Protein backbone atom coordinates (compact mmCIF):
# COMPACT_ATOMS: atom_id res chain seq x y z
CA MET A 1 -0.16 0.10 0.04
CA GLN A 2 1.21 3.27 -0.99
CA VAL A 3 0.36 6.44 0.98
CA THR A 4 0.96 10.01 0.24
CA GLU A 5 0.16 12.75 2.61
CA THR A 6 -1.69 16.04 0.77
CA LEU A 7 -2.83 17.83 3.57
CA SER A 8 -1.65 18.80 7.15
CA GLU A 9 -3.49 21.96 8.35
CA GLY A 10 -4.16 22.31 12.04
CA LEU A 11 -6.39 19.19 12.67
CA LYS A 12 -6.89 18.32 9.08
CA ARG A 13 -5.07 15.39 7.42
CA GLY A 14 -5.31 14.35 3.69
CA PHE A 15 -3.80 11.25 2.23
CA THR A 16 -3.81 9.60 -1.07
CA VAL A 17 -3.89 5.84 -0.59
CA VAL A 18 -3.05 3.58 -3.41
CA VAL A 19 -3.82 -0.21 -2.77
CA PRO A 20 -2.06 -2.70 -5.12
CA ALA A 21 -4.58 -4.75 -7.55
CA ALA A 22 -3.05 -8.14 -6.41
CA ASP A 23 -4.30 -7.16 -2.92
CA ILE A 24 -7.87 -6.51 -4.06
CA GLU A 25 -7.74 -9.66 -6.36
CA GLU A 26 -6.84 -11.82 -3.78
CA ARG A 27 -9.50 -10.53 -1.26
CA ARG A 28 -12.03 -10.83 -4.06
CA ALA A 29 -10.89 -14.39 -4.74
CA ARG A 30 -10.44 -15.49 -1.32
CA ARG A 31 -14.18 -14.03 -0.64
CA LEU A 32 -15.54 -15.95 -3.73
CA ALA A 33 -13.68 -19.38 -2.75
CA GLU A 34 -15.66 -18.77 0.91
CA LEU A 35 -18.85 -18.22 -0.76
CA GLY A 36 -18.39 -21.46 -2.97
CA LYS A 37 -18.09 -23.35 0.08
CA THR A 38 -21.50 -22.27 1.39
CA VAL A 39 -23.66 -21.31 -1.30
CA ASN A 40 -26.75 -23.35 -2.31
CA LEU A 41 -27.82 -23.04 -6.07
CA PRO A 42 -30.30 -25.36 -8.00
CA GLY A 43 -28.60 -28.25 -9.73
CA PHE A 44 -25.39 -28.28 -7.67
CA ARG A 45 -24.55 -29.99 -4.32
CA PRO A 46 -23.82 -27.58 -1.55
CA GLY A 47 -20.26 -26.46 -1.54
CA LYS A 48 -19.53 -27.85 -5.16
CA VAL A 49 -20.91 -24.69 -7.12
CA PRO A 50 -18.03 -24.25 -9.77
CA ALA A 51 -15.87 -21.30 -8.91
CA LEU A 52 -16.98 -19.49 -12.45
CA VAL A 53 -20.52 -19.94 -11.43
CA VAL A 54 -19.88 -18.54 -8.13
CA LYS A 55 -18.13 -15.36 -9.97
CA GLN A 56 -20.89 -14.70 -12.58
CA ARG A 57 -23.84 -14.94 -9.95
CA TYR A 58 -22.32 -13.03 -6.93
CA GLY A 59 -18.98 -11.46 -8.69
CA THR A 60 -20.32 -7.86 -8.69
CA ALA A 61 -21.61 -7.99 -5.21
CA VAL A 62 -18.44 -9.17 -3.97
CA ALA A 63 -16.47 -6.76 -5.87
CA ALA A 64 -18.53 -3.91 -4.19
CA GLU A 65 -18.05 -5.55 -0.88
CA VAL A 66 -14.29 -5.97 -1.10
CA LEU A 67 -13.92 -2.25 -2.20
CA GLU A 68 -15.63 -1.15 0.78
CA GLU A 69 -13.76 -3.63 3.17
CA SER A 70 -10.24 -2.41 1.37
CA VAL A 71 -11.03 1.35 1.48
CA ASN A 72 -11.86 0.72 5.32
CA ASP A 73 -9.02 -1.35 6.21
CA ALA A 74 -6.78 0.93 4.24
CA THR A 75 -8.02 3.90 6.01
CA ARG A 76 -7.52 2.34 9.49
CA GLN A 77 -4.07 1.34 8.63
CA VAL A 78 -3.07 4.74 7.65
CA LEU A 79 -4.26 6.30 10.92
CA SER A 80 -3.00 3.46 13.20
CA ASP A 81 0.54 3.49 11.67
CA ARG A 82 0.70 7.48 12.07
CA GLY A 83 -0.82 7.41 15.64
CA LEU A 84 -3.85 9.31 14.65
CA ARG A 85 -7.09 9.53 16.21
CA ALA A 86 -9.99 10.56 14.37
CA ALA A 87 -12.53 13.08 15.40
CA MET A 88 -15.37 11.84 13.31
CA GLN A 89 -15.84 9.46 10.27
CA PRO A 90 -13.29 10.03 7.64
CA LYS A 91 -14.39 11.52 4.19
CA VAL A 92 -13.09 9.04 1.48
CA ASP A 93 -13.42 9.82 -2.41
CA VAL A 94 -12.26 7.18 -4.77
CA ILE A 95 -10.20 8.15 -7.61
CA SER A 96 -9.49 4.96 -9.46
CA LEU A 97 -11.70 1.99 -9.54
CA GLU A 98 -10.99 0.11 -12.79
CA ASP A 99 -10.91 -3.76 -12.77
CA LYS A 100 -7.62 -5.11 -12.59
CA ARG A 101 -5.87 -1.85 -11.76
CA ASP A 102 -4.67 -0.31 -8.60
CA LEU A 103 -7.24 0.91 -6.29
CA GLU A 104 -6.60 4.79 -5.65
CA PHE A 105 -8.77 6.81 -3.17
CA LYS A 106 -8.32 10.11 -1.30
CA VAL A 107 -8.98 10.27 2.43
CA GLU A 108 -9.62 13.61 4.43
CA VAL A 109 -9.87 13.33 8.40
CA GLU A 110 -10.24 15.69 11.41
CA LEU A 111 -8.01 14.70 13.98
CA LEU A 112 -8.89 14.62 17.99
CA PRO A 113 -6.54 17.56 19.42
CA GLU A 114 -3.71 16.51 21.80
CA ILE A 115 -5.14 17.72 25.18
CA ALA A 116 -2.88 18.71 27.88
CA MET A 117 -4.20 17.77 31.50
CA PRO A 118 -5.11 20.72 33.45
CA GLU A 119 -3.77 21.32 36.94
CA PHE A 120 -6.70 20.19 38.80
CA LYS A 121 -5.16 21.25 42.29
CA ALA A 122 -4.95 24.70 41.05
CA ILE A 123 -8.36 25.09 40.49
CA GLU A 124 -10.23 27.24 43.15
CA LEU A 125 -13.89 26.74 43.51
CA THR A 126 -16.43 28.11 45.95
CA ARG A 127 -19.45 25.55 46.90
CA LEU A 128 -22.42 27.69 48.08
CA THR A 129 -24.98 26.04 50.39
CA ALA A 130 -28.04 26.78 52.19
CA GLU A 131 -29.66 25.61 55.00
CA PRO A 132 -33.44 25.29 55.34
CA ALA A 133 -34.89 28.26 57.42
CA ALA A 134 -37.24 27.69 60.33
CA GLU A 135 -39.77 30.46 58.24
CA ALA A 136 -39.36 28.48 54.99
CA ILE A 137 -40.60 25.41 56.94
CA ASP A 138 -43.55 27.05 58.56
CA THR A 139 -44.50 28.22 55.05
CA ALA A 140 -44.63 24.88 53.57
CA LEU A 141 -46.35 23.34 56.65
CA GLY A 142 -48.87 26.29 56.06
CA GLU A 143 -49.22 25.22 52.50
CA ILE A 144 -49.82 21.74 53.23
CA ALA A 145 -52.52 22.82 55.89
CA LYS A 146 -54.30 24.74 53.22
CA ARG A 147 -54.31 21.66 50.77
CA ASN A 148 -55.71 19.82 53.78
CA ALA A 149 -58.33 22.47 54.60
CA GLU A 150 -61.70 21.02 55.20
CA LEU A 151 -64.80 22.38 52.91
CA VAL A 152 -67.57 23.89 55.45
CA ALA A 153 -71.19 25.14 54.27
CA VAL A 154 -71.72 28.45 54.64
CA GLU A 155 -75.06 28.95 56.38
CA GLU A 156 -75.43 32.56 55.34
CA VAL A 157 -77.10 33.42 52.07
CA ARG A 158 -74.64 35.36 50.42
CA PRO A 159 -72.69 36.15 47.07
CA ALA A 160 -69.54 33.70 46.54
CA ALA A 161 -66.01 35.12 47.14
CA LYS A 162 -63.06 34.57 45.27
CA GLY A 163 -61.40 31.45 46.60
CA GLU A 164 -64.41 29.93 48.12
CA VAL A 165 -66.44 26.86 46.55
CA LEU A 166 -69.60 27.18 44.93
CA SER A 167 -71.58 23.65 44.26
CA VAL A 168 -73.32 24.14 40.91
CA ASP A 169 -75.32 22.31 38.05
CA PHE A 170 -74.44 23.62 34.46
CA VAL A 171 -75.40 22.89 30.82
CA GLY A 172 -72.90 23.93 28.15
CA LYS A 173 -73.76 24.71 24.85
CA VAL A 174 -72.49 25.73 21.14
CA ASP A 175 -74.91 27.60 18.97
CA GLY A 176 -77.71 27.19 21.52
CA VAL A 177 -77.23 23.25 21.32
CA ALA A 178 -75.99 21.35 24.25
CA PHE A 179 -72.97 19.32 23.69
CA PRO A 180 -71.67 15.84 25.05
CA GLY A 181 -69.93 15.99 28.22
CA GLY A 182 -70.99 19.73 28.91
CA THR A 183 -73.45 18.65 31.70
CA GLY A 184 -72.46 18.69 35.25
CA THR A 185 -74.50 18.25 38.36
CA ASP A 186 -73.44 19.24 41.92
CA MET A 187 -69.99 20.07 40.64
CA ASP A 188 -67.87 21.89 43.08
CA VAL A 189 -66.19 25.02 41.73
CA GLU A 190 -63.53 27.07 43.10
CA VAL A 191 -64.12 30.66 42.24
CA ALA A 192 -61.79 32.16 40.23
CA GLY A 193 -59.79 29.08 40.61
CA PRO A 194 -58.06 26.72 37.97
CA GLY A 195 -59.47 23.56 36.60
CA PHE A 196 -62.08 24.60 34.11
CA ILE A 197 -62.22 26.45 30.82
CA PRO A 198 -60.56 29.71 30.84
CA GLY A 199 -63.04 32.56 32.29
CA PHE A 200 -65.62 29.81 33.40
CA THR A 201 -64.81 30.01 37.33
CA GLU A 202 -64.32 33.81 37.21
CA GLN A 203 -67.89 34.25 35.85
CA VAL A 204 -69.44 32.31 38.87
CA GLU A 205 -68.03 35.11 41.33
CA GLY A 206 -70.93 36.65 42.99
CA MET A 207 -73.55 34.14 42.58
CA THR A 208 -75.90 33.19 45.43
CA PRO A 209 -77.39 29.94 45.88
CA GLY A 210 -80.30 29.76 44.05
CA GLU A 211 -79.26 32.11 41.50
CA SER A 212 -79.17 31.07 37.86
CA ARG A 213 -76.76 32.83 35.40
CA THR A 214 -75.56 32.23 31.62
CA ILE A 215 -71.96 32.75 31.15
CA HIS A 216 -69.87 32.92 27.89
CA VAL A 217 -66.54 31.57 27.24
CA THR A 218 -64.23 30.32 24.30
CA PHE A 219 -62.74 26.93 24.16
CA PRO A 220 -59.02 26.91 23.83
CA ASP A 221 -57.62 26.38 20.20
CA GLY A 222 -55.73 23.64 21.90
CA TYR A 223 -58.60 21.88 23.63
CA GLY A 224 -58.76 17.99 24.16
CA GLU A 225 -61.94 17.82 22.11
CA LYS A 226 -61.07 18.77 18.68
CA SER A 227 -64.88 19.48 18.00
CA LEU A 228 -65.03 22.31 20.74
CA ALA A 229 -61.59 23.71 20.04
CA GLY A 230 -61.76 27.45 19.29
CA LYS A 231 -65.63 27.55 19.73
CA ALA A 232 -67.55 29.88 21.83
CA ALA A 233 -70.04 28.36 24.01
CA THR A 234 -72.50 29.28 26.62
CA PHE A 235 -73.03 27.43 30.14
CA ASP A 236 -76.37 27.83 31.98
CA ILE A 237 -75.42 27.54 35.59
CA THR A 238 -77.55 27.15 38.80
CA ALA A 239 -75.81 27.80 42.05
CA LYS A 240 -76.87 25.21 44.64
CA ALA A 241 -74.74 25.73 47.89
CA LEU A 242 -71.66 27.83 49.08
CA LYS A 243 -68.85 26.26 50.86
CA THR A 244 -65.48 27.64 52.15
CA ARG A 245 -62.31 26.13 53.15
CA VAL A 246 -61.47 26.16 56.82
CA VAL A 247 -57.73 25.54 57.44
CA GLY A 248 -57.17 23.40 60.50
CA ALA A 249 -54.47 23.89 63.06
CA ILE A 250 -50.84 22.82 62.14
CA ASP A 251 -50.62 20.34 65.01
CA ASP A 252 -50.11 16.37 65.52
CA GLU A 253 -53.63 15.84 64.33
CA LEU A 254 -52.83 17.37 60.78
CA ALA A 255 -49.72 15.00 60.90
CA LYS A 256 -51.67 11.97 61.92
CA LYS A 257 -54.02 13.05 58.93
CA LEU A 258 -51.08 12.79 56.58
CA GLY A 259 -50.05 9.34 58.09
CA PHE A 260 -47.15 10.53 60.28
CA GLU A 261 -46.82 10.23 64.12
CA SER A 262 -46.29 14.10 64.87
CA VAL A 263 -45.90 17.36 63.45
CA GLU A 264 -42.33 17.41 64.29
CA ARG A 265 -41.70 14.67 62.10
CA VAL A 266 -43.61 16.35 59.27
CA ARG A 267 -41.40 19.30 60.04
CA ASP A 268 -38.06 17.12 59.93
CA LEU A 269 -39.41 15.52 56.37
CA ILE A 270 -39.72 18.89 54.89
CA SER A 271 -36.42 19.92 56.01
CA GLN A 272 -34.73 16.98 54.28
CA GLN A 273 -36.65 17.64 51.22
CA MET A 274 -35.37 21.41 51.27
CA ARG A 275 -31.93 20.34 52.08
CA ARG A 276 -32.02 17.79 49.15
CA GLU A 277 -33.08 20.72 46.56
CA TYR A 278 -30.69 22.98 48.03
CA ASP A 279 -27.73 20.29 47.36
CA GLN A 280 -28.82 19.96 44.01
CA MET A 281 -28.88 23.60 43.20
CA SER A 282 -25.16 23.69 44.98
CA ARG A 283 -24.19 20.87 42.84
CA LEU A 284 -25.35 22.72 39.49
CA ARG A 285 -23.59 26.08 40.61
CA LEU A 286 -20.32 24.17 41.51
CA LYS A 287 -20.47 22.26 38.23
CA ARG A 288 -21.06 25.32 36.27
CA GLN A 289 -17.96 26.83 37.71
CA LEU A 290 -15.83 23.81 37.40
CA LEU A 291 -16.70 23.67 33.84
CA ASP A 292 -16.07 27.46 33.31
CA ALA A 293 -12.56 26.64 35.09
CA LEU A 294 -11.64 23.91 32.78
CA ALA A 295 -12.96 25.74 29.50
CA ALA A 296 -10.40 28.45 30.43
CA ALA A 297 -7.60 26.05 31.22
CA ALA A 298 -7.92 24.14 27.85
CA PRO A 299 -7.11 26.51 24.98
CA PHE A 300 -6.52 23.41 22.49
CA ALA A 301 -8.15 23.72 18.84
CA VAL A 302 -11.40 21.76 18.15
CA PRO A 303 -12.38 20.05 15.29
CA GLU A 304 -14.51 22.20 13.01
CA GLY A 305 -16.63 19.23 11.80
CA MET A 306 -17.84 18.48 15.38
CA VAL A 307 -18.57 21.90 15.98
CA ASP A 308 -20.57 22.15 12.75
CA ALA A 309 -22.67 19.01 13.78
CA GLU A 310 -23.21 20.41 17.36
CA PHE A 311 -24.13 23.89 16.12
CA ALA A 312 -26.50 22.07 13.43
CA GLN A 313 -28.46 20.51 16.25
CA ILE A 314 -28.69 23.87 18.42
CA TRP A 315 -29.81 25.64 15.47
CA GLN A 316 -32.37 23.36 14.61
CA ARG A 317 -33.92 23.62 17.81
CA ILE A 318 -33.75 27.65 17.86
CA GLU A 319 -35.42 27.51 14.31
CA ALA A 320 -38.17 24.96 15.96
CA ASP A 321 -38.69 27.57 18.82
CA ARG A 322 -38.89 30.39 16.56
CA ALA A 323 -41.69 28.81 14.40
CA GLU A 324 -43.66 27.74 17.40
CA GLY A 325 -43.17 31.41 18.76
CA LYS A 326 -41.15 30.13 21.86
CA LEU A 327 -37.88 31.93 21.46
CA ASP A 328 -36.44 33.47 24.09
CA GLU A 329 -37.36 37.26 24.50
CA GLU A 330 -33.63 38.16 24.73
CA ASP A 331 -33.05 36.36 21.44
CA LYS A 332 -36.11 37.75 19.53
CA SER A 333 -34.24 41.35 19.19
CA LYS A 334 -30.88 39.74 17.90
CA SER A 335 -30.25 39.44 14.31
CA GLU A 336 -29.76 36.04 12.83
CA ASP A 337 -26.13 36.63 12.58
CA VAL A 338 -25.57 37.62 15.98
CA LEU A 339 -27.58 34.76 16.98
CA LYS A 340 -25.58 32.21 14.82
CA GLY A 341 -22.54 33.47 16.34
CA GLU A 342 -23.45 33.18 19.79
CA TYR A 343 -24.75 29.80 19.43
CA ARG A 344 -21.66 28.71 17.44
CA ALA A 345 -19.48 29.61 20.36
CA ILE A 346 -21.85 27.82 22.59
CA ALA A 347 -21.19 24.57 20.46
CA GLU A 348 -17.59 25.28 20.23
CA ARG A 349 -17.73 25.09 24.35
CA ARG A 350 -19.66 22.15 24.26
CA VAL A 351 -17.24 20.16 21.79
CA ARG A 352 -14.52 21.41 23.96
CA LEU A 353 -15.64 20.47 27.30
CA GLY A 354 -16.69 17.15 25.71
CA LEU A 355 -13.52 16.39 24.61
CA LEU A 356 -11.68 17.63 27.51
CA LEU A 357 -14.04 15.60 30.04
CA SER A 358 -13.69 12.56 27.82
CA GLU A 359 -9.91 12.70 27.74
CA ILE A 360 -9.69 13.14 31.74
CA GLY A 361 -11.62 10.07 31.94
CA ARG A 362 -9.46 8.32 29.51
CA VAL A 363 -6.24 9.41 31.06
CA ASN A 364 -7.26 8.56 34.56
CA GLY A 365 -9.19 5.15 33.79
CA ILE A 366 -12.89 6.44 34.56
CA THR A 367 -15.41 4.03 33.09
CA VAL A 368 -18.92 3.44 33.71
CA ALA A 369 -19.65 -0.36 35.39
CA ALA A 370 -22.22 -2.40 34.20
CA ASP A 371 -24.14 -2.13 37.63
CA GLU A 372 -24.40 1.65 37.01
CA MET A 373 -25.77 1.19 33.51
CA THR A 374 -28.36 -1.35 34.99
CA ARG A 375 -29.11 1.34 37.62
CA ALA A 376 -29.71 3.97 35.10
CA MET A 377 -31.54 1.59 32.99
CA ARG A 378 -34.15 0.87 35.82
CA ALA A 379 -34.37 4.50 36.74
CA GLU A 380 -35.38 5.32 33.11
CA ALA A 381 -37.91 2.42 33.18
CA GLY A 382 -39.37 3.99 36.37
CA ARG A 383 -40.37 6.88 34.17
CA TYR A 384 -42.89 4.68 32.52
CA PRO A 385 -45.25 3.42 35.41
CA GLY A 386 -46.34 -0.27 34.05
CA GLN A 387 -44.33 -0.49 30.98
CA GLU A 388 -40.98 -0.90 33.14
CA ALA A 389 -40.37 -4.61 31.78
CA GLN A 390 -40.97 -3.23 28.10
CA VAL A 391 -38.20 -0.67 28.65
CA MET A 392 -35.69 -2.53 29.98
CA GLU A 393 -36.37 -5.16 27.02
CA PHE A 394 -36.00 -2.25 24.56
CA PHE A 395 -32.58 -1.54 26.04
CA ARG A 396 -31.62 -5.10 25.90
CA LYS A 397 -32.59 -5.25 22.29
CA ASN A 398 -31.06 -2.00 21.44
CA PRO A 399 -27.76 -1.43 23.00
CA GLN A 400 -27.14 1.88 21.26
CA ALA A 401 -30.27 3.54 23.21
CA ALA A 402 -28.70 2.14 26.42
CA GLU A 403 -25.46 4.03 25.31
CA GLY A 404 -27.45 7.16 25.69
CA LEU A 405 -27.59 6.61 29.15
CA ARG A 406 -23.79 6.30 29.74
CA GLY A 407 -22.67 9.81 28.74
CA PRO A 408 -24.31 11.68 31.88
CA ILE A 409 -23.08 9.02 34.33
CA PHE A 410 -19.60 9.33 32.73
CA GLU A 411 -19.81 12.99 32.89
CA GLU A 412 -20.54 13.07 36.49
CA LYS A 413 -17.87 10.60 37.57
CA VAL A 414 -15.44 12.86 35.66
CA VAL A 415 -16.72 15.87 37.43
CA ASP A 416 -16.49 14.21 40.97
CA PHE A 417 -13.02 13.10 40.14
CA VAL A 418 -12.09 16.62 39.47
CA LEU A 419 -13.83 18.05 42.49
CA GLU A 420 -11.94 15.73 44.70
CA LEU A 421 -8.51 17.31 43.57
CA ALA A 422 -9.77 21.24 43.36
CA ARG A 423 -9.67 23.66 45.95
CA VAL A 424 -13.10 23.66 47.20
CA THR A 425 -14.44 26.16 49.54
CA ASP A 426 -17.63 26.09 51.29
CA GLN A 427 -19.79 29.28 51.83
CA VAL A 428 -23.29 29.47 53.45
CA VAL A 429 -25.32 31.86 51.68
CA PRO A 430 -29.28 32.45 51.84
CA VAL A 431 -31.34 30.23 49.58
CA GLU A 432 -32.37 33.27 47.16
CA GLU A 433 -28.60 33.60 46.34
CA LEU A 434 -28.05 30.17 45.86
CA ALA A 435 -31.16 29.94 43.54
CA ARG A 436 -29.83 32.91 41.53
CA ASP A 437 -28.47 32.38 38.21
CA PRO A 438 -25.02 33.74 38.20
CA GLU A 439 -24.89 34.20 34.47
CA ALA A 440 -28.49 34.72 32.72
CA GLY A 441 -28.27 34.41 28.88
CA PRO A 442 -27.08 31.85 26.34
CA ALA A 443 -23.14 32.55 27.21
CA ALA A 444 -23.89 30.49 30.43
CA VAL A 445 -25.00 27.51 28.57
CA GLY A 446 -21.88 25.25 28.55
CA GLN A 447 -22.25 21.71 29.73
CA PRO A 448 -21.25 19.03 27.02
CA GLY A 449 -23.93 17.16 25.13
């Protein structure tokens, strides 16, 4: 095999490769001979089909197979002999493919960069933490008490006020005709509350038990029943009874209603839940700091092809958001050139960090164990109650789908590895400070993937 380097520019390499015709012919003959031992053709005993017949019947298919195999093997050898690691699939262009002539092709490839390991011990980070405040726990307990409030009938005959509950009968009509599913009896409606068609509960405010009223509403365009979506409707409503919510005391009786032995136990559980949420916020803030520090400490060139592919995915999402009217308010005011520049920078950052974390893991022997993958698959299956077995079977039959779970696990393990070596200082702050986004806007995005 003859190899001539034609391009050496940054991470890009190009080669012209010539594979001798004798090598191609030897591969082809060997493949036809192997095929002749197993092929079954009418009129011939298995394994006794003449070589000429095998060649006539399968020669074209075998030639294409041998060509692809020869190109792939030669490309791998070119990279291996030179100690090169491809960042993406090499681009191959066949120059000469004449029968009984040397195979000549061009190969262009972008390489993975040489990445020097940052000095992890020199990285200084601040881990913000917060403790659940007694006032926050009290507020959470108050919300629990409100959700468990009792409905008590109002004896006084008076108009219904916002937040109270009115028991009503109603008949819904479109164009004066009652529609299926639009009738209700003794339905409890929270005045000006959620759960009904927009405008419905607001219009029952002020009704007195025994009063009848016709209200006008419009079904949302995205309403589940398509025959009603976007249509104007009326509801004939009769108020029957007024109820108000009475919030009970926050005491052991409330705790027992919730299934716990005491209100102190409930407070403790609320505190634990808050602490878990705060810990998650702390982790995200610390991880962002670390990724910023790593990105600053890793000034290596990144493969343009990988950046192009990452940017294409990001931009596809941006265009979809724009079509659906979901584009960020900040982005709406920017020109397309400005947006593309910002999001290409994000794509480059993601690729850089992805490559760096991957190299840190490779150099330090960080891997994802089989039991970790199993736990991840079970956790994913748990998101589909009643279909857990089918999801696990899907992962077993589709290893590539399961591989999608490996990346986040690997990333977190690499982050943990670096955090163990970095200089991390803990700082207790108010929860508002912990929750605040330190860098709002697209420039803050930067996690690999």
